[in-house]
Amino acid sequence: MDRIRVAALRYYTLNGTDHRSHDEQNAAIGAYVRWRNARTDPRRTSPPVR
């Protein structure tokens, strides 16, 4: 994952939240990544570059 996506993920997941601990914050990030990965449509990805 490139830096732009990581920054976007961080802002999307953490914006407007008040996590009590790093563990709670990490759980929120992990939940979002699992949610996003479950909804990935492989047909919409670009073909491999040769």
C-alpha atoms as a PDB file:
ATOM      1  CA  MET A   1       0.000   0.000   0.000  1.00  0.00           C
ATOM      2  CA  ASP A   2       1.459   3.352  -0.918  1.00  0.00           C
ATOM      3  CA  ARG A   3       1.782   6.336   1.407  1.00  0.00           C
ATOM      4  CA  ILE A   4      -1.190   8.207  -0.071  1.00  0.00           C
ATOM      5  CA  ARG A   5      -3.530   5.283   0.553  1.00  0.00           C
ATOM      6  CA  VAL A   6      -2.189   4.827   4.075  1.00  0.00           C
ATOM      7  CA  ALA A   7      -2.727   8.524   4.816  1.00  0.00           C
ATOM      8  CA  ALA A   8      -6.253   8.375   3.366  1.00  0.00           C
ATOM      9  CA  LEU A   9      -6.994   5.268   5.421  1.00  0.00           C
ATOM     10  CA  ARG A  10      -5.703   6.930   8.563  1.00  0.00           C
ATOM     11  CA  TYR A  11      -7.801  10.064   8.044  1.00  0.00           C
ATOM     12  CA  TYR A  12     -10.909   8.101   7.057  1.00  0.00           C
ATOM     13  CA  THR A  13     -10.685   5.722   9.991  1.00  0.00           C
ATOM     14  CA  LEU A  14      -9.570   8.116  12.705  1.00  0.00           C
ATOM     15  CA  ASN A  15     -11.184  11.424  11.783  1.00  0.00           C
ATOM     16  CA  GLY A  16     -13.662  12.463  14.461  1.00  0.00           C
ATOM     17  CA  THR A  17     -12.844   9.574  16.784  1.00  0.00           C
ATOM     18  CA  ASP A  18     -11.428   9.550  20.284  1.00  0.00           C
ATOM     19  CA  HIS A  19      -9.776   6.194  20.862  1.00  0.00           C
ATOM     20  CA  ARG A  20      -8.835   5.491  24.454  1.00  0.00           C
ATOM     21  CA  SER A  21      -5.754   3.453  23.569  1.00  0.00           C
ATOM     22  CA  HIS A  22      -3.532   2.401  20.722  1.00  0.00           C
ATOM     23  CA  ASP A  23      -5.063  -1.072  20.885  1.00  0.00           C
ATOM     24  CA  GLU A  24      -8.536   0.385  20.347  1.00  0.00           C
ATOM     25  CA  GLN A  25      -7.197   2.515  17.487  1.00  0.00           C
ATOM     26  CA  ASN A  26      -5.498  -0.492  15.888  1.00  0.00           C
ATOM     27  CA  ALA A  27      -8.742  -2.474  16.177  1.00  0.00           C
ATOM     28  CA  ALA A  28     -10.614   0.295  14.329  1.00  0.00           C
ATOM     29  CA  ILE A  29      -8.023   0.320  11.547  1.00  0.00           C
ATOM     30  CA  GLY A  30      -8.088  -3.481  11.303  1.00  0.00           C
ATOM     31  CA  ALA A  31     -11.888  -3.515  11.138  1.00  0.00           C
ATOM     32  CA  TYR A  32     -11.859  -1.015   8.293  1.00  0.00           C
ATOM     33  CA  VAL A  33      -9.195  -2.947   6.350  1.00  0.00           C
ATOM     34  CA  ARG A  34     -11.185  -6.175   6.737  1.00  0.00           C
ATOM     35  CA  TRP A  35     -14.389  -4.371   5.675  1.00  0.00           C
ATOM     36  CA  ARG A  36     -12.656  -2.868   2.627  1.00  0.00           C
ATOM     37  CA  ASN A  37     -10.989  -6.129   1.597  1.00  0.00           C
ATOM     38  CA  ALA A  38     -14.287  -8.010   1.824  1.00  0.00           C
ATOM     39  CA  ARG A  39     -15.799  -5.594  -0.698  1.00  0.00           C
ATOM     40  CA  THR A  40     -13.003  -5.597  -3.245  1.00  0.00           C
ATOM     41  CA  ASP A  41     -14.164  -6.527  -6.719  1.00  0.00           C
ATOM     42  CA  PRO A  42     -11.292  -8.255  -8.557  1.00  0.00           C
ATOM     43  CA  ARG A  43     -12.938  -7.532 -11.912  1.00  0.00           C
ATOM     44  CA  ARG A  44     -12.478  -3.801 -11.338  1.00  0.00           C
ATOM     45  CA  THR A  45      -8.718  -3.981 -10.875  1.00  0.00           C
ATOM     46  CA  SER A  46      -6.448  -3.178 -13.760  1.00  0.00           C
ATOM     47  CA  PRO A  47      -4.724  -5.968 -15.682  1.00  0.00           C
ATOM     48  CA  PRO A  48      -1.134  -6.850 -14.786  1.00  0.00           C
ATOM     49  CA  VAL A  49       1.518  -4.667 -16.352  1.00  0.00           C
ATOM     50  CA  ARG A  50       4.136  -6.511 -18.351  1.00  0.00           C
END
